Amino acid sequence: MELRSDITINGKKYAKGSNISWAMVYPFFLIHMLMFGGSGFLMAYLSDNVPLAFLYLHGGLAILVYTAFYVSFFGADEVKWMFINAGLGGLGVYTQIGWIVGLFGKNVSDFPIKVHVIPFLYFVLYTFLLRQALLDMLHAREDGIRKKIVETGYVVVSTAVYLISYFSR
């Protein structure tokens, strides 16, 4: 993957435009975000004792840091489109979160909108990272035909998952 800005990884500096292996980025971020996103999710939906200010502080700081890393790795234009697509895909995110909280015997409408902000943003960041990982692991980022196939597959699988989760509630 080609870096969009200078970054230091394990004490070694990589210049903007450098190519680094996807294996240096995705395993760490996928696991790290799963842990932070999971803890934010658990605090938001499974505990009535977590102050909203702490949820916003914990999640907001992590989301800000992840977004800064995303700009470094993927560029501001990709991150801009992540947020645009998130706005357009709000219903999909809502149904996925609804399905997930349903696994715990709750309903997404049981919570006020302000509780959903952090889990929704984590969901957006995580699904963005999954798409980026697929593009790099399948060497599709620079191959127009392969990229179109990967992106089409991503949209089809995501839509299927959204529909299944919506109708299984």
N, C-alpha and C. Protein backbone atom coordinates (compact mmCIF):
# COMPACT_ATOMS: atom_id res chain seq x y z
N MET A 1 0.83 -1.16 0.00
CA MET A 1 0.00 0.00 0.00
C MET A 1 0.89 1.23 0.00
N GLU A 2 0.44 2.27 -0.67
CA GLU A 2 1.22 3.50 -0.78
C GLU A 2 0.77 4.50 0.28
N LEU A 3 1.72 5.02 1.06
CA LEU A 3 1.40 5.96 2.13
C LEU A 3 1.04 7.32 1.56
N ARG A 4 0.09 7.95 2.18
CA ARG A 4 -0.39 9.27 1.75
C ARG A 4 0.29 10.40 2.52
N SER A 5 1.07 10.05 3.56
CA SER A 5 1.85 11.03 4.32
C SER A 5 2.99 10.30 5.02
N ASP A 6 3.92 11.07 5.57
CA ASP A 6 5.03 10.48 6.33
C ASP A 6 4.49 9.82 7.60
N ILE A 7 5.10 8.69 7.97
CA ILE A 7 4.68 8.01 9.20
C ILE A 7 5.85 7.19 9.74
N THR A 8 5.85 6.99 11.04
CA THR A 8 6.87 6.15 11.68
C THR A 8 6.19 4.90 12.21
N ILE A 9 6.73 3.73 11.85
CA ILE A 9 6.21 2.45 12.32
C ILE A 9 7.36 1.71 12.98
N ASN A 10 7.18 1.38 14.25
CA ASN A 10 8.21 0.67 15.03
C ASN A 10 9.57 1.37 14.95
N GLY A 11 9.55 2.70 15.03
CA GLY A 11 10.78 3.47 15.04
C GLY A 11 11.40 3.72 13.68
N LYS A 12 10.83 3.18 12.63
CA LYS A 12 11.37 3.38 11.28
C LYS A 12 10.46 4.35 10.53
N LYS A 13 11.07 5.39 9.95
CA LYS A 13 10.31 6.41 9.24
C LYS A 13 10.08 5.99 7.79
N TYR A 14 8.84 6.15 7.37
CA TYR A 14 8.46 5.88 5.98
C TYR A 14 7.94 7.18 5.39
N ALA A 15 8.46 7.56 4.24
CA ALA A 15 8.09 8.81 3.61
C ALA A 15 6.79 8.67 2.83
N LYS A 16 6.11 9.81 2.66
CA LYS A 16 4.91 9.86 1.84
C LYS A 16 5.24 9.26 0.47
N GLY A 17 4.36 8.40 -0.02
CA GLY A 17 4.57 7.75 -1.30
C GLY A 17 5.28 6.41 -1.21
N SER A 18 5.83 6.10 -0.02
CA SER A 18 6.49 4.81 0.17
C SER A 18 5.46 3.69 0.09
N ASN A 19 5.91 2.57 -0.38
CA ASN A 19 5.06 1.38 -0.40
C ASN A 19 5.43 0.51 0.79
N ILE A 20 4.41 0.12 1.55
CA ILE A 20 4.62 -0.79 2.67
C ILE A 20 3.65 -1.95 2.51
N SER A 21 3.99 -3.04 3.13
CA SER A 21 3.14 -4.23 3.06
C SER A 21 1.85 -3.99 3.85
N TRP A 22 0.74 -4.48 3.34
CA TRP A 22 -0.53 -4.37 4.06
C TRP A 22 -0.43 -5.07 5.42
N ALA A 23 0.45 -6.06 5.52
CA ALA A 23 0.60 -6.81 6.76
C ALA A 23 1.18 -5.96 7.89
N MET A 24 1.77 -4.81 7.56
CA MET A 24 2.29 -3.91 8.59
C MET A 24 1.18 -3.05 9.18
N VAL A 25 0.04 -3.00 8.52
CA VAL A 25 -1.02 -2.09 8.92
C VAL A 25 -2.28 -2.82 9.40
N TYR A 26 -2.84 -3.66 8.57
CA TYR A 26 -4.18 -4.20 8.83
C TYR A 26 -4.30 -5.12 10.04
N PRO A 27 -3.40 -6.07 10.24
CA PRO A 27 -3.59 -6.92 11.42
C PRO A 27 -3.65 -6.11 12.71
N PHE A 28 -2.74 -5.16 12.87
CA PHE A 28 -2.74 -4.33 14.08
C PHE A 28 -4.04 -3.55 14.21
N PHE A 29 -4.42 -2.82 13.16
CA PHE A 29 -5.61 -1.97 13.25
C PHE A 29 -6.90 -2.77 13.37
N LEU A 30 -7.00 -3.88 12.67
CA LEU A 30 -8.23 -4.67 12.76
C LEU A 30 -8.42 -5.20 14.18
N ILE A 31 -7.36 -5.68 14.81
CA ILE A 31 -7.46 -6.19 16.18
C ILE A 31 -7.65 -5.04 17.16
N HIS A 32 -6.85 -3.99 17.01
CA HIS A 32 -6.92 -2.84 17.92
C HIS A 32 -8.31 -2.20 17.88
N MET A 33 -8.82 -1.98 16.66
CA MET A 33 -10.15 -1.35 16.54
C MET A 33 -11.25 -2.27 17.05
N LEU A 34 -11.08 -3.56 16.87
CA LEU A 34 -12.08 -4.49 17.38
C LEU A 34 -12.14 -4.41 18.90
N MET A 35 -10.99 -4.28 19.54
CA MET A 35 -10.96 -4.18 21.00
C MET A 35 -11.56 -2.85 21.47
N PHE A 36 -11.11 -1.73 20.89
CA PHE A 36 -11.64 -0.43 21.31
C PHE A 36 -13.11 -0.28 20.91
N GLY A 37 -13.44 -0.68 19.68
CA GLY A 37 -14.83 -0.60 19.25
C GLY A 37 -15.72 -1.51 20.07
N GLY A 38 -15.22 -2.70 20.38
CA GLY A 38 -15.99 -3.63 21.21
C GLY A 38 -16.23 -3.08 22.59
N SER A 39 -15.20 -2.47 23.18
CA SER A 39 -15.39 -1.90 24.52
C SER A 39 -16.35 -0.72 24.47
N GLY A 40 -16.26 0.09 23.42
CA GLY A 40 -17.21 1.20 23.27
C GLY A 40 -18.63 0.70 23.09
N PHE A 41 -18.76 -0.36 22.31
CA PHE A 41 -20.07 -0.97 22.09
C PHE A 41 -20.64 -1.50 23.41
N LEU A 42 -19.82 -2.23 24.15
CA LEU A 42 -20.28 -2.79 25.42
C LEU A 42 -20.66 -1.69 26.41
N MET A 43 -19.86 -0.64 26.47
CA MET A 43 -20.19 0.46 27.38
C MET A 43 -21.49 1.14 26.98
N ALA A 44 -21.70 1.31 25.68
CA ALA A 44 -22.89 2.02 25.21
C ALA A 44 -24.16 1.20 25.40
N TYR A 45 -24.09 -0.09 25.12
CA TYR A 45 -25.32 -0.88 25.04
C TYR A 45 -25.54 -1.87 26.18
N LEU A 46 -24.51 -2.28 26.86
CA LEU A 46 -24.70 -3.32 27.86
C LEU A 46 -24.55 -2.85 29.30
N SER A 47 -24.26 -1.59 29.49
CA SER A 47 -24.12 -1.08 30.84
C SER A 47 -24.90 0.22 31.00
N ASP A 48 -25.70 0.28 32.03
CA ASP A 48 -26.45 1.50 32.32
C ASP A 48 -25.64 2.42 33.23
N ASN A 49 -24.46 1.98 33.67
CA ASN A 49 -23.69 2.71 34.66
C ASN A 49 -22.57 3.56 34.08
N VAL A 50 -22.34 3.50 32.78
CA VAL A 50 -21.25 4.26 32.18
C VAL A 50 -21.75 5.67 31.86
N PRO A 51 -21.12 6.68 32.44
CA PRO A 51 -21.53 8.05 32.14
C PRO A 51 -21.33 8.36 30.65
N LEU A 52 -22.26 9.07 30.07
CA LEU A 52 -22.20 9.41 28.66
C LEU A 52 -20.92 10.20 28.35
N ALA A 53 -20.51 11.06 29.27
CA ALA A 53 -19.29 11.84 29.06
C ALA A 53 -18.07 10.91 28.92
N PHE A 54 -18.00 9.85 29.71
CA PHE A 54 -16.88 8.91 29.61
C PHE A 54 -16.94 8.16 28.28
N LEU A 55 -18.13 7.74 27.88
CA LEU A 55 -18.30 7.05 26.59
C LEU A 55 -17.80 7.94 25.46
N TYR A 56 -18.18 9.21 25.48
CA TYR A 56 -17.76 10.14 24.43
C TYR A 56 -16.25 10.42 24.51
N LEU A 57 -15.71 10.52 25.71
CA LEU A 57 -14.28 10.76 25.87
C LEU A 57 -13.48 9.56 25.38
N HIS A 58 -13.84 8.37 25.84
CA HIS A 58 -13.16 7.13 25.46
C HIS A 58 -13.26 6.90 23.95
N GLY A 59 -14.47 6.92 23.45
CA GLY A 59 -14.68 6.65 22.03
C GLY A 59 -14.25 7.79 21.13
N GLY A 60 -14.55 9.02 21.54
CA GLY A 60 -14.23 10.17 20.72
C GLY A 60 -12.73 10.33 20.49
N LEU A 61 -11.96 10.14 21.54
CA LEU A 61 -10.51 10.25 21.42
C LEU A 61 -9.97 9.15 20.49
N ALA A 62 -10.43 7.94 20.69
CA ALA A 62 -9.97 6.83 19.83
C ALA A 62 -10.37 7.07 18.38
N ILE A 63 -11.58 7.52 18.14
CA ILE A 63 -12.04 7.76 16.77
C ILE A 63 -11.23 8.88 16.12
N LEU A 64 -10.90 9.91 16.88
CA LEU A 64 -10.07 10.99 16.37
C LEU A 64 -8.69 10.47 15.97
N VAL A 65 -8.09 9.64 16.81
CA VAL A 65 -6.77 9.08 16.52
C VAL A 65 -6.83 8.15 15.31
N TYR A 66 -7.84 7.27 15.26
CA TYR A 66 -7.98 6.38 14.11
C TYR A 66 -8.15 7.18 12.81
N THR A 67 -8.96 8.23 12.86
CA THR A 67 -9.19 9.04 11.67
C THR A 67 -7.89 9.69 11.20
N ALA A 68 -7.07 10.16 12.13
CA ALA A 68 -5.77 10.74 11.76
C ALA A 68 -4.88 9.69 11.09
N PHE A 69 -4.87 8.47 11.63
CA PHE A 69 -4.09 7.40 11.00
C PHE A 69 -4.65 7.07 9.61
N TYR A 70 -5.95 7.05 9.48
CA TYR A 70 -6.56 6.77 8.17
C TYR A 70 -6.13 7.81 7.14
N VAL A 71 -6.09 9.08 7.53
CA VAL A 71 -5.65 10.12 6.61
C VAL A 71 -4.20 9.85 6.20
N SER A 72 -3.37 9.44 7.15
CA SER A 72 -1.96 9.14 6.85
C SER A 72 -1.82 7.96 5.89
N PHE A 73 -2.60 6.92 6.12
CA PHE A 73 -2.46 5.71 5.31
C PHE A 73 -3.22 5.79 3.99
N PHE A 74 -4.41 6.36 4.01
CA PHE A 74 -5.28 6.27 2.84
C PHE A 74 -5.53 7.60 2.12
N GLY A 75 -5.23 8.71 2.77
CA GLY A 75 -5.42 10.03 2.17
C GLY A 75 -6.73 10.67 2.57
N ALA A 76 -6.73 12.00 2.55
CA ALA A 76 -7.90 12.77 2.99
C ALA A 76 -9.12 12.50 2.10
N ASP A 77 -8.91 12.32 0.80
CA ASP A 77 -10.04 12.10 -0.10
C ASP A 77 -10.76 10.79 0.23
N GLU A 78 -10.01 9.73 0.50
CA GLU A 78 -10.64 8.45 0.88
C GLU A 78 -11.42 8.58 2.18
N VAL A 79 -10.84 9.31 3.15
CA VAL A 79 -11.51 9.49 4.44
C VAL A 79 -12.77 10.33 4.26
N LYS A 80 -12.69 11.35 3.42
CA LYS A 80 -13.88 12.17 3.13
C LYS A 80 -15.00 11.29 2.59
N TRP A 81 -14.64 10.42 1.65
CA TRP A 81 -15.66 9.53 1.08
C TRP A 81 -16.17 8.51 2.09
N MET A 82 -15.33 8.15 3.05
CA MET A 82 -15.78 7.26 4.12
C MET A 82 -16.95 7.91 4.85
N PHE A 83 -16.80 9.18 5.21
CA PHE A 83 -17.86 9.86 5.94
C PHE A 83 -19.09 10.15 5.06
N ILE A 84 -18.87 10.45 3.79
CA ILE A 84 -19.99 10.64 2.87
C ILE A 84 -20.79 9.35 2.74
N ASN A 85 -20.10 8.24 2.51
CA ASN A 85 -20.77 6.95 2.38
C ASN A 85 -21.45 6.54 3.68
N ALA A 86 -20.85 6.92 4.81
CA ALA A 86 -21.47 6.62 6.10
C ALA A 86 -22.80 7.34 6.23
N GLY A 87 -22.81 8.59 5.80
CA GLY A 87 -24.07 9.34 5.84
C GLY A 87 -25.13 8.69 4.94
N LEU A 88 -24.70 8.28 3.76
CA LEU A 88 -25.62 7.64 2.83
C LEU A 88 -26.05 6.26 3.31
N GLY A 89 -25.15 5.59 4.03
CA GLY A 89 -25.44 4.23 4.47
C GLY A 89 -25.96 4.15 5.89
N GLY A 90 -26.47 5.24 6.41
CA GLY A 90 -26.97 5.27 7.79
C GLY A 90 -27.98 4.18 8.10
N LEU A 91 -28.85 3.91 7.16
CA LEU A 91 -29.86 2.88 7.39
C LEU A 91 -29.20 1.51 7.52
N GLY A 92 -28.20 1.25 6.69
CA GLY A 92 -27.49 -0.03 6.80
C GLY A 92 -26.80 -0.17 8.14
N VAL A 93 -26.16 0.90 8.59
CA VAL A 93 -25.49 0.88 9.89
C VAL A 93 -26.52 0.67 11.00
N TYR A 94 -27.64 1.38 10.89
CA TYR A 94 -28.70 1.27 11.90
C TYR A 94 -29.21 -0.17 11.99
N THR A 95 -29.42 -0.82 10.85
CA THR A 95 -29.92 -2.19 10.88
C THR A 95 -28.88 -3.15 11.44
N GLN A 96 -27.59 -2.93 11.11
CA GLN A 96 -26.54 -3.79 11.64
C GLN A 96 -26.43 -3.65 13.16
N ILE A 97 -26.42 -2.41 13.64
CA ILE A 97 -26.36 -2.19 15.09
C ILE A 97 -27.60 -2.78 15.74
N GLY A 98 -28.75 -2.61 15.11
CA GLY A 98 -29.99 -3.20 15.63
C GLY A 98 -29.90 -4.71 15.75
N TRP A 99 -29.33 -5.33 14.75
CA TRP A 99 -29.17 -6.78 14.78
C TRP A 99 -28.21 -7.19 15.89
N ILE A 100 -27.08 -6.46 16.01
CA ILE A 100 -26.09 -6.80 17.02
C ILE A 100 -26.66 -6.66 18.43
N VAL A 101 -27.32 -5.52 18.72
CA VAL A 101 -27.88 -5.36 20.08
C VAL A 101 -29.02 -6.35 20.30
N GLY A 102 -29.68 -6.77 19.22
CA GLY A 102 -30.72 -7.79 19.32
C GLY A 102 -30.18 -9.12 19.83
N LEU A 103 -28.92 -9.40 19.53
CA LEU A 103 -28.30 -10.62 20.03
C LEU A 103 -28.22 -10.61 21.55
N PHE A 104 -28.27 -9.43 22.15
CA PHE A 104 -28.22 -9.29 23.60
C PHE A 104 -29.60 -9.01 24.19
N GLY A 105 -30.65 -9.27 23.39
CA GLY A 105 -32.01 -9.12 23.88
C GLY A 105 -32.48 -7.68 23.99
N LYS A 106 -31.83 -6.78 23.26
CA LYS A 106 -32.21 -5.38 23.32
C LYS A 106 -32.62 -4.91 21.93
N ASN A 107 -33.19 -3.73 21.88
CA ASN A 107 -33.62 -3.13 20.63
C ASN A 107 -32.89 -1.81 20.46
N VAL A 108 -32.50 -1.49 19.24
CA VAL A 108 -31.77 -0.26 18.99
C VAL A 108 -32.58 0.97 19.42
N SER A 109 -33.89 0.89 19.35
CA SER A 109 -34.73 2.03 19.76
C SER A 109 -34.85 2.16 21.28
N ASP A 110 -34.29 1.20 22.03
CA ASP A 110 -34.28 1.30 23.49
C ASP A 110 -33.32 2.37 23.98
N PHE A 111 -32.45 2.86 23.09
CA PHE A 111 -31.41 3.79 23.47
C PHE A 111 -31.63 5.13 22.78
N PRO A 112 -31.30 6.23 23.47
CA PRO A 112 -31.39 7.53 22.81
C PRO A 112 -30.32 7.69 21.74
N ILE A 113 -30.56 8.56 20.78
CA ILE A 113 -29.64 8.78 19.66
C ILE A 113 -28.23 9.08 20.16
N LYS A 114 -28.09 9.85 21.24
CA LYS A 114 -26.76 10.23 21.72
C LYS A 114 -25.91 9.02 22.12
N VAL A 115 -26.53 7.91 22.47
CA VAL A 115 -25.78 6.70 22.82
C VAL A 115 -25.22 6.02 21.56
N HIS A 116 -25.90 6.19 20.44
CA HIS A 116 -25.51 5.52 19.21
C HIS A 116 -24.32 6.16 18.50
N VAL A 117 -23.97 7.40 18.83
CA VAL A 117 -22.94 8.12 18.10
C VAL A 117 -21.62 7.35 18.06
N ILE A 118 -21.10 6.95 19.21
CA ILE A 118 -19.79 6.29 19.26
C ILE A 118 -19.83 4.91 18.58
N PRO A 119 -20.80 4.03 18.91
CA PRO A 119 -20.82 2.74 18.20
C PRO A 119 -21.01 2.90 16.69
N PHE A 120 -21.82 3.86 16.25
CA PHE A 120 -22.00 4.08 14.82
C PHE A 120 -20.68 4.49 14.17
N LEU A 121 -19.96 5.42 14.80
CA LEU A 121 -18.70 5.86 14.22
C LEU A 121 -17.67 4.73 14.19
N TYR A 122 -17.62 3.92 15.25
CA TYR A 122 -16.74 2.75 15.23
C TYR A 122 -17.11 1.82 14.08
N PHE A 123 -18.39 1.60 13.89
CA PHE A 123 -18.85 0.71 12.82
C PHE A 123 -18.40 1.25 11.47
N VAL A 124 -18.55 2.56 11.26
CA VAL A 124 -18.13 3.19 10.01
C VAL A 124 -16.63 3.02 9.80
N LEU A 125 -15.85 3.30 10.84
CA LEU A 125 -14.40 3.18 10.73
C LEU A 125 -13.98 1.73 10.46
N TYR A 126 -14.62 0.78 11.12
CA TYR A 126 -14.25 -0.61 10.96
C TYR A 126 -14.60 -1.14 9.57
N THR A 127 -15.79 -0.80 9.07
CA THR A 127 -16.16 -1.28 7.74
C THR A 127 -15.30 -0.62 6.67
N PHE A 128 -14.91 0.63 6.88
CA PHE A 128 -13.97 1.30 5.97
C PHE A 128 -12.65 0.54 5.93
N LEU A 129 -12.15 0.17 7.12
CA LEU A 129 -10.89 -0.55 7.22
C LEU A 129 -10.99 -1.92 6.53
N LEU A 130 -12.12 -2.59 6.67
CA LEU A 130 -12.30 -3.88 5.99
C LEU A 130 -12.20 -3.72 4.48
N ARG A 131 -12.85 -2.68 3.93
CA ARG A 131 -12.80 -2.45 2.48
C ARG A 131 -11.37 -2.16 2.04
N GLN A 132 -10.66 -1.31 2.79
CA GLN A 132 -9.28 -0.99 2.45
C GLN A 132 -8.40 -2.24 2.51
N ALA A 133 -8.63 -3.07 3.52
CA ALA A 133 -7.86 -4.31 3.66
C ALA A 133 -8.10 -5.23 2.46
N LEU A 134 -9.33 -5.37 2.05
CA LEU A 134 -9.63 -6.21 0.89
C LEU A 134 -8.92 -5.69 -0.37
N LEU A 135 -8.97 -4.37 -0.57
CA LEU A 135 -8.31 -3.80 -1.75
C LEU A 135 -6.82 -4.10 -1.76
N ASP A 136 -6.18 -4.00 -0.60
CA ASP A 136 -4.74 -4.23 -0.54
C ASP A 136 -4.38 -5.72 -0.53
N MET A 137 -5.11 -6.52 0.25
CA MET A 137 -4.78 -7.95 0.32
C MET A 137 -5.02 -8.66 -1.00
N LEU A 138 -5.99 -8.18 -1.77
CA LEU A 138 -6.28 -8.79 -3.06
C LEU A 138 -5.59 -8.04 -4.21
N HIS A 139 -4.67 -7.15 -3.86
CA HIS A 139 -3.88 -6.39 -4.83
C HIS A 139 -4.78 -5.72 -5.88
N ALA A 140 -5.86 -5.11 -5.40
CA ALA A 140 -6.84 -4.53 -6.31
C ALA A 140 -6.78 -3.00 -6.36
N ARG A 141 -6.06 -2.37 -5.47
CA ARG A 141 -6.08 -0.91 -5.39
C ARG A 141 -5.62 -0.25 -6.70
N GLU A 142 -4.59 -0.78 -7.31
CA GLU A 142 -4.04 -0.18 -8.53
C GLU A 142 -4.48 -0.88 -9.81
N ASP A 143 -5.26 -1.94 -9.70
CA ASP A 143 -5.74 -2.69 -10.85
C ASP A 143 -7.23 -2.38 -11.03
N GLY A 144 -7.55 -1.55 -12.01
CA GLY A 144 -8.91 -1.06 -12.20
C GLY A 144 -9.97 -2.15 -12.28
N ILE A 145 -9.70 -3.21 -13.03
CA ILE A 145 -10.68 -4.29 -13.19
C ILE A 145 -10.85 -5.05 -11.88
N ARG A 146 -9.75 -5.42 -11.27
CA ARG A 146 -9.81 -6.15 -10.00
C ARG A 146 -10.47 -5.29 -8.92
N LYS A 147 -10.16 -4.00 -8.91
CA LYS A 147 -10.76 -3.09 -7.93
C LYS A 147 -12.27 -3.05 -8.09
N LYS A 148 -12.74 -2.97 -9.31
CA LYS A 148 -14.18 -2.94 -9.55
C LYS A 148 -14.85 -4.24 -9.07
N ILE A 149 -14.20 -5.37 -9.30
CA ILE A 149 -14.73 -6.67 -8.85
C ILE A 149 -14.79 -6.72 -7.32
N VAL A 150 -13.69 -6.31 -6.68
CA VAL A 150 -13.64 -6.33 -5.21
C VAL A 150 -14.70 -5.39 -4.62
N GLU A 151 -14.81 -4.18 -5.17
CA GLU A 151 -15.77 -3.22 -4.64
C GLU A 151 -17.20 -3.68 -4.89
N THR A 152 -17.46 -4.26 -6.05
CA THR A 152 -18.80 -4.78 -6.32
C THR A 152 -19.13 -5.91 -5.35
N GLY A 153 -18.17 -6.82 -5.16
CA GLY A 153 -18.38 -7.90 -4.20
C GLY A 153 -18.61 -7.38 -2.80
N TYR A 154 -17.87 -6.35 -2.41
CA TYR A 154 -18.02 -5.75 -1.08
C TYR A 154 -19.43 -5.18 -0.90
N VAL A 155 -19.92 -4.48 -1.92
CA VAL A 155 -21.26 -3.89 -1.85
C VAL A 155 -22.32 -4.99 -1.81
N VAL A 156 -22.16 -6.01 -2.63
CA VAL A 156 -23.15 -7.11 -2.66
C VAL A 156 -23.17 -7.85 -1.33
N VAL A 157 -22.01 -8.20 -0.79
CA VAL A 157 -21.95 -8.92 0.49
C VAL A 157 -22.49 -8.02 1.61
N SER A 158 -22.10 -6.76 1.63
CA SER A 158 -22.59 -5.84 2.67
C SER A 158 -24.11 -5.70 2.61
N THR A 159 -24.63 -5.53 1.42
CA THR A 159 -26.08 -5.40 1.26
C THR A 159 -26.79 -6.67 1.71
N ALA A 160 -26.25 -7.82 1.35
CA ALA A 160 -26.84 -9.09 1.78
C ALA A 160 -26.83 -9.21 3.31
N VAL A 161 -25.71 -8.85 3.92
CA VAL A 161 -25.61 -8.91 5.39
C VAL A 161 -26.63 -7.95 6.02
N TYR A 162 -26.76 -6.75 5.48
CA TYR A 162 -27.73 -5.78 6.00
C TYR A 162 -29.16 -6.32 5.88
N LEU A 163 -29.49 -6.87 4.73
CA LEU A 163 -30.84 -7.41 4.53
C LEU A 163 -31.12 -8.59 5.46
N ILE A 164 -30.17 -9.48 5.56
CA ILE A 164 -30.33 -10.64 6.45
C ILE A 164 -30.51 -10.18 7.88
N SER A 165 -29.67 -9.23 8.32
CA SER A 165 -29.79 -8.76 9.71
C SER A 165 -31.09 -7.99 9.92
N TYR A 166 -31.53 -7.27 8.93
CA TYR A 166 -32.79 -6.52 9.06
C TYR A 166 -33.98 -7.48 9.19
N PHE A 167 -34.02 -8.49 8.35
CA PHE A 167 -35.17 -9.40 8.35
C PHE A 167 -35.09 -10.48 9.43
N SER A 168 -33.93 -10.64 10.06
CA SER A 168 -33.82 -11.66 11.11
C SER A 168 -34.14 -11.12 12.49
N ARG A 169 -34.47 -9.85 12.59
CA ARG A 169 -34.79 -9.26 13.90
C ARG A 169 -36.15 -9.66 14.36
